Amino acid sequence: IQRVKIEAAKMSLESTRDNVNDAMYKVG
């Protein structure tokens, strides 16, 4: 579960304008 969440956060940080908090909340 943790690795799936972090993988999704990585994609957000790589390809969007999301800041760290945005990416964090998006993955739960």
PDB file of all heavy atoms in Angstrom:
ATOM      1  N   ILE A   1       0.844  -1.201   0.000  1.00  0.00           N
ATOM      2  CA  ILE A   1       0.000   0.000   0.000  1.00  0.00           C
ATOM      3  C   ILE A   1       0.879   1.252   0.000  1.00  0.00           C
ATOM      4  O   ILE A   1       0.642   2.209  -0.751  1.00  0.00           O
ATOM      5  CB  ILE A   1      -0.942  -0.001   1.216  1.00  0.00           C
ATOM      6  CG1 ILE A   1      -1.962  -1.135   1.091  1.00  0.00           C
ATOM      7  CG2 ILE A   1      -1.650   1.349   1.366  1.00  0.00           C
ATOM      8  CD1 ILE A   1      -2.796  -1.374   2.352  1.00  0.00           C
ATOM      9  N   GLN A   2       1.894   1.234   0.835  1.00  0.00           N
ATOM     10  CA  GLN A   2       2.791   2.388   0.924  1.00  0.00           C
ATOM     11  C   GLN A   2       3.500   2.648  -0.409  1.00  0.00           C
ATOM     12  O   GLN A   2       3.587   3.792  -0.869  1.00  0.00           O
ATOM     13  CB  GLN A   2       3.824   2.140   2.030  1.00  0.00           C
ATOM     14  CG  GLN A   2       4.738   3.324   2.306  1.00  0.00           C
ATOM     15  CD  GLN A   2       5.752   2.989   3.387  1.00  0.00           C
ATOM     16  OE1 GLN A   2       6.597   2.131   3.200  1.00  0.00           O
ATOM     17  NE2 GLN A   2       5.650   3.668   4.518  1.00  0.00           N
ATOM     18  N   ARG A   3       3.982   1.584  -1.044  1.00  0.00           N
ATOM     19  CA  ARG A   3       4.714   1.752  -2.304  1.00  0.00           C
ATOM     20  C   ARG A   3       3.795   2.237  -3.424  1.00  0.00           C
ATOM     21  O   ARG A   3       4.213   3.044  -4.271  1.00  0.00           O
ATOM     22  CB  ARG A   3       5.411   0.450  -2.693  1.00  0.00           C
ATOM     23  CG  ARG A   3       6.521   0.064  -1.714  1.00  0.00           C
ATOM     24  CD  ARG A   3       7.434  -0.986  -2.287  1.00  0.00           C
ATOM     25  NE  ARG A   3       8.222  -0.449  -3.394  1.00  0.00           N
ATOM     26  CZ  ARG A   3       9.180  -1.127  -4.012  1.00  0.00           C
ATOM     27  NH1 ARG A   3       9.460  -2.365  -3.632  1.00  0.00           N
ATOM     28  NH2 ARG A   3       9.860  -0.587  -5.005  1.00  0.00           N
ATOM     29  N   VAL A   4       2.561   1.764  -3.436  1.00  0.00           N
ATOM     30  CA  VAL A   4       1.608   2.243  -4.439  1.00  0.00           C
ATOM     31  C   VAL A   4       1.328   3.728  -4.241  1.00  0.00           C
ATOM     32  O   VAL A   4       1.282   4.513  -5.205  1.00  0.00           O
ATOM     33  CB  VAL A   4       0.301   1.418  -4.381  1.00  0.00           C
ATOM     34  CG1 VAL A   4      -0.794   2.069  -5.233  1.00  0.00           C
ATOM     35  CG2 VAL A   4       0.553  -0.006  -4.855  1.00  0.00           C
ATOM     36  N   LYS A   5       1.118   4.145  -2.998  1.00  0.00           N
ATOM     37  CA  LYS A   5       0.871   5.557  -2.702  1.00  0.00           C
ATOM     38  C   LYS A   5       2.057   6.430  -3.120  1.00  0.00           C
ATOM     39  O   LYS A   5       1.885   7.478  -3.758  1.00  0.00           O
ATOM     40  CB  LYS A   5       0.599   5.746  -1.203  1.00  0.00           C
ATOM     41  CG  LYS A   5      -0.764   5.276  -0.722  1.00  0.00           C
ATOM     42  CD  LYS A   5      -0.894   5.450   0.785  1.00  0.00           C
ATOM     43  CE  LYS A   5      -2.259   5.034   1.303  1.00  0.00           C
ATOM     44  NZ  LYS A   5      -3.325   5.985   0.920  1.00  0.00           N
ATOM     45  N   ILE A   6       3.252   5.998  -2.762  1.00  0.00           N
ATOM     46  CA  ILE A   6       4.439   6.798  -3.074  1.00  0.00           C
ATOM     47  C   ILE A   6       4.689   6.840  -4.577  1.00  0.00           C
ATOM     48  O   ILE A   6       5.106   7.871  -5.122  1.00  0.00           O
ATOM     49  CB  ILE A   6       5.680   6.254  -2.326  1.00  0.00           C
ATOM     50  CG1 ILE A   6       5.480   6.388  -0.813  1.00  0.00           C
ATOM     51  CG2 ILE A   6       6.941   6.984  -2.764  1.00  0.00           C
ATOM     52  CD1 ILE A   6       5.215   7.796  -0.316  1.00  0.00           C
ATOM     53  N   GLU A   7       4.390   5.751  -5.280  1.00  0.00           N
ATOM     54  CA  GLU A   7       4.545   5.759  -6.743  1.00  0.00           C
ATOM     55  C   GLU A   7       3.606   6.786  -7.375  1.00  0.00           C
ATOM     56  O   GLU A   7       3.997   7.514  -8.300  1.00  0.00           O
ATOM     57  CB  GLU A   7       4.277   4.366  -7.311  1.00  0.00           C
ATOM     58  CG  GLU A   7       4.690   4.201  -8.757  1.00  0.00           C
ATOM     59  CD  GLU A   7       6.175   4.420  -8.984  1.00  0.00           C
ATOM     60  OE1 GLU A   7       6.990   4.044  -8.117  1.00  0.00           O
ATOM     61  OE2 GLU A   7       6.518   4.989 -10.046  1.00  0.00           O
ATOM     62  N   ALA A   8       2.386   6.865  -6.864  1.00  0.00           N
ATOM     63  CA  ALA A   8       1.434   7.855  -7.369  1.00  0.00           C
ATOM     64  C   ALA A   8       1.911   9.273  -7.045  1.00  0.00           C
ATOM     65  O   ALA A   8       1.789  10.190  -7.873  1.00  0.00           O
ATOM     66  CB  ALA A   8       0.054   7.606  -6.765  1.00  0.00           C
ATOM     67  N   ALA A   9       2.466   9.459  -5.849  1.00  0.00           N
ATOM     68  CA  ALA A   9       3.000  10.772  -5.477  1.00  0.00           C
ATOM     69  C   ALA A   9       4.171  11.159  -6.376  1.00  0.00           C
ATOM     70  O   ALA A   9       4.302  12.325  -6.780  1.00  0.00           O
ATOM     71  CB  ALA A   9       3.436  10.759  -4.011  1.00  0.00           C
ATOM     72  N   LYS A  10       5.014  10.207  -6.704  1.00  0.00           N
ATOM     73  CA  LYS A  10       6.140  10.465  -7.616  1.00  0.00           C
ATOM     74  C   LYS A  10       5.634  10.974  -8.966  1.00  0.00           C
ATOM     75  O   LYS A  10       6.161  11.938  -9.529  1.00  0.00           O
ATOM     76  CB  LYS A  10       6.964   9.191  -7.811  1.00  0.00           C
ATOM     77  CG  LYS A  10       7.860   8.822  -6.643  1.00  0.00           C
ATOM     78  CD  LYS A  10       8.353   7.397  -6.728  1.00  0.00           C
ATOM     79  CE  LYS A  10       9.100   7.114  -8.015  1.00  0.00           C
ATOM     80  NZ  LYS A  10       9.525   5.696  -8.101  1.00  0.00           N
ATOM     81  N   MET A  11       4.620  10.307  -9.496  1.00  0.00           N
ATOM     82  CA  MET A  11       4.073  10.716 -10.791  1.00  0.00           C
ATOM     83  C   MET A  11       3.519  12.142 -10.729  1.00  0.00           C
ATOM     84  O   MET A  11       3.686  12.928 -11.666  1.00  0.00           O
ATOM     85  CB  MET A  11       2.962   9.747 -11.222  1.00  0.00           C
ATOM     86  CG  MET A  11       3.424   8.320 -11.503  1.00  0.00           C
ATOM     87  SD  MET A  11       4.703   8.201 -12.789  1.00  0.00           S
ATOM     88  CE  MET A  11       6.183   8.000 -11.778  1.00  0.00           C
ATOM     89  N   SER A  12       2.878  12.455  -9.617  1.00  0.00           N
ATOM     90  CA  SER A  12       2.337  13.794  -9.443  1.00  0.00           C
ATOM     91  C   SER A  12       3.458  14.838  -9.401  1.00  0.00           C
ATOM     92  O   SER A  12       3.381  15.890 -10.045  1.00  0.00           O
ATOM     93  CB  SER A  12       1.510  13.847  -8.152  1.00  0.00           C
ATOM     94  OG  SER A  12       1.031  15.144  -7.914  1.00  0.00           O
ATOM     95  N   LEU A  13       4.515  14.540  -8.672  1.00  0.00           N
ATOM     96  CA  LEU A  13       5.631  15.481  -8.542  1.00  0.00           C
ATOM     97  C   LEU A  13       6.420  15.615  -9.841  1.00  0.00           C
ATOM     98  O   LEU A  13       7.012  16.656 -10.114  1.00  0.00           O
ATOM     99  CB  LEU A  13       6.559  15.027  -7.410  1.00  0.00           C
ATOM    100  CG  LEU A  13       5.959  15.085  -6.003  1.00  0.00           C
ATOM    101  CD1 LEU A  13       6.882  14.415  -5.002  1.00  0.00           C
ATOM    102  CD2 LEU A  13       5.690  16.533  -5.594  1.00  0.00           C
ATOM    103  N   GLU A  14       6.414  14.572 -10.650  1.00  0.00           N
ATOM    104  CA  GLU A  14       7.149  14.600 -11.916  1.00  0.00           C
ATOM    105  C   GLU A  14       6.417  15.381 -12.998  1.00  0.00           C
ATOM    106  O   GLU A  14       7.042  16.090 -13.789  1.00  0.00           O
ATOM    107  CB  GLU A  14       7.369  13.172 -12.438  1.00  0.00           C
ATOM    108  CG  GLU A  14       8.387  12.364 -11.686  1.00  0.00           C
ATOM    109  CD  GLU A  14       8.471  10.941 -12.227  1.00  0.00           C
ATOM    110  OE1 GLU A  14       8.173  10.740 -13.424  1.00  0.00           O
ATOM    111  OE2 GLU A  14       8.818  10.035 -11.459  1.00  0.00           O
ATOM    112  N   SER A  15       5.096  15.231 -13.056  1.00  0.00           N
ATOM    113  CA  SER A  15       4.386  15.637 -14.272  1.00  0.00           C
ATOM    114  C   SER A  15       3.333  16.720 -14.091  1.00  0.00           C
ATOM    115  O   SER A  15       2.659  17.086 -15.056  1.00  0.00           O
ATOM    116  CB  SER A  15       3.713  14.403 -14.889  1.00  0.00           C
ATOM    117  OG  SER A  15       2.828  13.803 -13.964  1.00  0.00           O
ATOM    118  N   THR A  16       3.144  17.233 -12.879  1.00  0.00           N
ATOM    119  CA  THR A  16       2.139  18.276 -12.654  1.00  0.00           C
ATOM    120  C   THR A  16       2.777  19.462 -11.943  1.00  0.00           C
ATOM    121  O   THR A  16       3.945  19.430 -11.567  1.00  0.00           O
ATOM    122  CB  THR A  16       0.971  17.749 -11.790  1.00  0.00           C
ATOM    123  OG1 THR A  16       1.426  17.586 -10.437  1.00  0.00           O
ATOM    124  CG2 THR A  16       0.452  16.413 -12.319  1.00  0.00           C
ATOM    125  N   ARG A  17       1.968  20.481 -11.738  1.00  0.00           N
ATOM    126  CA  ARG A  17       2.430  21.655 -10.987  1.00  0.00           C
ATOM    127  C   ARG A  17       2.211  21.502  -9.488  1.00  0.00           C
ATOM    128  O   ARG A  17       2.437  22.424  -8.716  1.00  0.00           O
ATOM    129  CB  ARG A  17       1.674  22.908 -11.474  1.00  0.00           C
ATOM    130  CG  ARG A  17       2.005  23.308 -12.909  1.00  0.00           C
ATOM    131  CD  ARG A  17       1.133  24.472 -13.344  1.00  0.00           C
ATOM    132  NE  ARG A  17       1.456  24.919 -14.680  1.00  0.00           N
ATOM    133  CZ  ARG A  17       2.348  25.874 -14.964  1.00  0.00           C
ATOM    134  NH1 ARG A  17       2.985  26.472 -13.978  1.00  0.00           N
ATOM    135  NH2 ARG A  17       2.585  26.234 -16.206  1.00  0.00           N
ATOM    136  N   ASP A  18       1.779  20.322  -9.063  1.00  0.00           N
ATOM    137  CA  ASP A  18       1.509  20.089  -7.642  1.00  0.00           C
ATOM    138  C   ASP A  18       2.745  20.353  -6.796  1.00  0.00           C
ATOM    139  O   ASP A  18       3.873  19.972  -7.168  1.00  0.00           O
ATOM    140  CB  ASP A  18       1.078  18.642  -7.404  1.00  0.00           C
ATOM    141  CG  ASP A  18      -0.315  18.354  -7.929  1.00  0.00           C
ATOM    142  OD1 ASP A  18      -1.013  19.308  -8.307  1.00  0.00           O
ATOM    143  OD2 ASP A  18      -0.695  17.167  -7.962  1.00  0.00           O
ATOM    144  N   ASN A  19       2.531  20.998  -5.655  1.00  0.00           N
ATOM    145  CA  ASN A  19       3.626  21.094  -4.690  1.00  0.00           C
ATOM    146  C   ASN A  19       3.621  19.828  -3.831  1.00  0.00           C
ATOM    147  O   ASN A  19       2.785  18.937  -4.027  1.00  0.00           O
ATOM    148  CB  ASN A  19       3.518  22.371  -3.843  1.00  0.00           C
ATOM    149  CG  ASN A  19       2.224  22.443  -3.044  1.00  0.00           C
ATOM    150  OD1 ASN A  19       1.696  21.410  -2.600  1.00  0.00           O
ATOM    151  ND2 ASN A  19       1.704  23.654  -2.842  1.00  0.00           N
ATOM    152  N   VAL A  20       4.509  19.750  -2.878  1.00  0.00           N
ATOM    153  CA  VAL A  20       4.640  18.528  -2.083  1.00  0.00           C
ATOM    154  C   VAL A  20       3.365  18.227  -1.308  1.00  0.00           C
ATOM    155  O   VAL A  20       2.902  17.078  -1.257  1.00  0.00           O
ATOM    156  CB  VAL A  20       5.849  18.632  -1.136  1.00  0.00           C
ATOM    157  CG1 VAL A  20       5.878  17.451  -0.163  1.00  0.00           C
ATOM    158  CG2 VAL A  20       7.151  18.677  -1.939  1.00  0.00           C
ATOM    159  N   ASN A  21       2.753  19.248  -0.712  1.00  0.00           N
ATOM    160  CA  ASN A  21       1.532  19.010   0.057  1.00  0.00           C
ATOM    161  C   ASN A  21       0.388  18.536  -0.828  1.00  0.00           C
ATOM    162  O   ASN A  21      -0.397  17.659  -0.441  1.00  0.00           O
ATOM    163  CB  ASN A  21       1.114  20.284   0.801  1.00  0.00           C
ATOM    164  CG  ASN A  21       1.958  20.515   2.042  1.00  0.00           C
ATOM    165  OD1 ASN A  21       2.599  19.589   2.543  1.00  0.00           O
ATOM    166  ND2 ASN A  21       1.961  21.743   2.528  1.00  0.00           N
ATOM    167  N   ASP A  22       0.280  19.112  -2.030  1.00  0.00           N
ATOM    168  CA  ASP A  22      -0.763  18.669  -2.968  1.00  0.00           C
ATOM    169  C   ASP A  22      -0.609  17.185  -3.271  1.00  0.00           C
ATOM    170  O   ASP A  22      -1.587  16.417  -3.241  1.00  0.00           O
ATOM    171  CB  ASP A  22      -0.667  19.466  -4.275  1.00  0.00           C
ATOM    172  CG  ASP A  22      -1.043  20.925  -4.102  1.00  0.00           C
ATOM    173  OD1 ASP A  22      -1.823  21.233  -3.188  1.00  0.00           O
ATOM    174  OD2 ASP A  22      -0.537  21.745  -4.898  1.00  0.00           O
ATOM    175  N   ALA A  23       0.630  16.785  -3.593  1.00  0.00           N
ATOM    176  CA  ALA A  23       0.897  15.378  -3.927  1.00  0.00           C
ATOM    177  C   ALA A  23       0.599  14.477  -2.735  1.00  0.00           C
ATOM    178  O   ALA A  23       0.053  13.378  -2.893  1.00  0.00           O
ATOM    179  CB  ALA A  23       2.343  15.221  -4.367  1.00  0.00           C
ATOM    180  N   MET A  24       0.931  14.946  -1.542  1.00  0.00           N
ATOM    181  CA  MET A  24       0.715  14.171  -0.326  1.00  0.00           C
ATOM    182  C   MET A  24      -0.773  13.902  -0.109  1.00  0.00           C
ATOM    183  O   MET A  24      -1.189  12.758   0.113  1.00  0.00           O
ATOM    184  CB  MET A  24       1.286  14.926   0.874  1.00  0.00           C
ATOM    185  CG  MET A  24       1.024  14.255   2.217  1.00  0.00           C
ATOM    186  SD  MET A  24       1.559  15.273   3.613  1.00  0.00           S
ATOM    187  CE  MET A  24       0.270  16.537   3.611  1.00  0.00           C
ATOM    188  N   TYR A  25      -1.591  14.951  -0.197  1.00  0.00           N
ATOM    189  CA  TYR A  25      -3.022  14.778   0.045  1.00  0.00           C
ATOM    190  C   TYR A  25      -3.682  13.922  -1.026  1.00  0.00           C
ATOM    191  O   TYR A  25      -4.603  13.142  -0.748  1.00  0.00           O
ATOM    192  CB  TYR A  25      -3.709  16.143   0.125  1.00  0.00           C
ATOM    193  CG  TYR A  25      -3.344  16.935   1.354  1.00  0.00           C
ATOM    194  CD1 TYR A  25      -2.848  18.231   1.247  1.00  0.00           C
ATOM    195  CD2 TYR A  25      -3.481  16.386   2.636  1.00  0.00           C
ATOM    196  CE1 TYR A  25      -2.504  18.964   2.380  1.00  0.00           C
ATOM    197  CE2 TYR A  25      -3.137  17.104   3.766  1.00  0.00           C
ATOM    198  CZ  TYR A  25      -2.638  18.396   3.631  1.00  0.00           C
ATOM    199  OH  TYR A  25      -2.296  19.109   4.744  1.00  0.00           O
ATOM    200  N   LYS A  26      -3.221  14.030  -2.266  1.00  0.00           N
ATOM    201  CA  LYS A  26      -3.801  13.263  -3.365  1.00  0.00           C
ATOM    202  C   LYS A  26      -3.678  11.756  -3.158  1.00  0.00           C
ATOM    203  O   LYS A  26      -4.525  10.990  -3.610  1.00  0.00           O
ATOM    204  CB  LYS A  26      -3.124  13.645  -4.692  1.00  0.00           C
ATOM    205  CG  LYS A  26      -3.712  14.849  -5.376  1.00  0.00           C
ATOM    206  CD  LYS A  26      -3.069  15.031  -6.744  1.00  0.00           C
ATOM    207  CE  LYS A  26      -3.709  16.192  -7.482  1.00  0.00           C
ATOM    208  NZ  LYS A  26      -3.095  16.359  -8.837  1.00  0.00           N
ATOM    209  N   VAL A  27      -2.618  11.338  -2.487  1.00  0.00           N
ATOM    210  CA  VAL A  27      -2.413   9.897  -2.318  1.00  0.00           C
ATOM    211  C   VAL A  27      -2.869   9.402  -0.953  1.00  0.00           C
ATOM    212  O   VAL A  27      -2.615   8.252  -0.585  1.00  0.00           O
ATOM    213  CB  VAL A  27      -0.927   9.517  -2.559  1.00  0.00           C
ATOM    214  CG1 VAL A  27      -0.513   9.897  -3.962  1.00  0.00           C
ATOM    215  CG2 VAL A  27      -0.003  10.142  -1.519  1.00  0.00           C
ATOM    216  N   GLY A  28      -3.512  10.281  -0.181  1.00  0.00           N
ATOM    217  CA  GLY A  28      -4.134   9.815   1.055  1.00  0.00           C
ATOM    218  C   GLY A  28      -3.327   9.993   2.319  1.00  0.00           C
ATOM    219  O   GLY A  28      -3.720   9.498   3.381  1.00  0.00           O
TER     220      GLY A  28
END
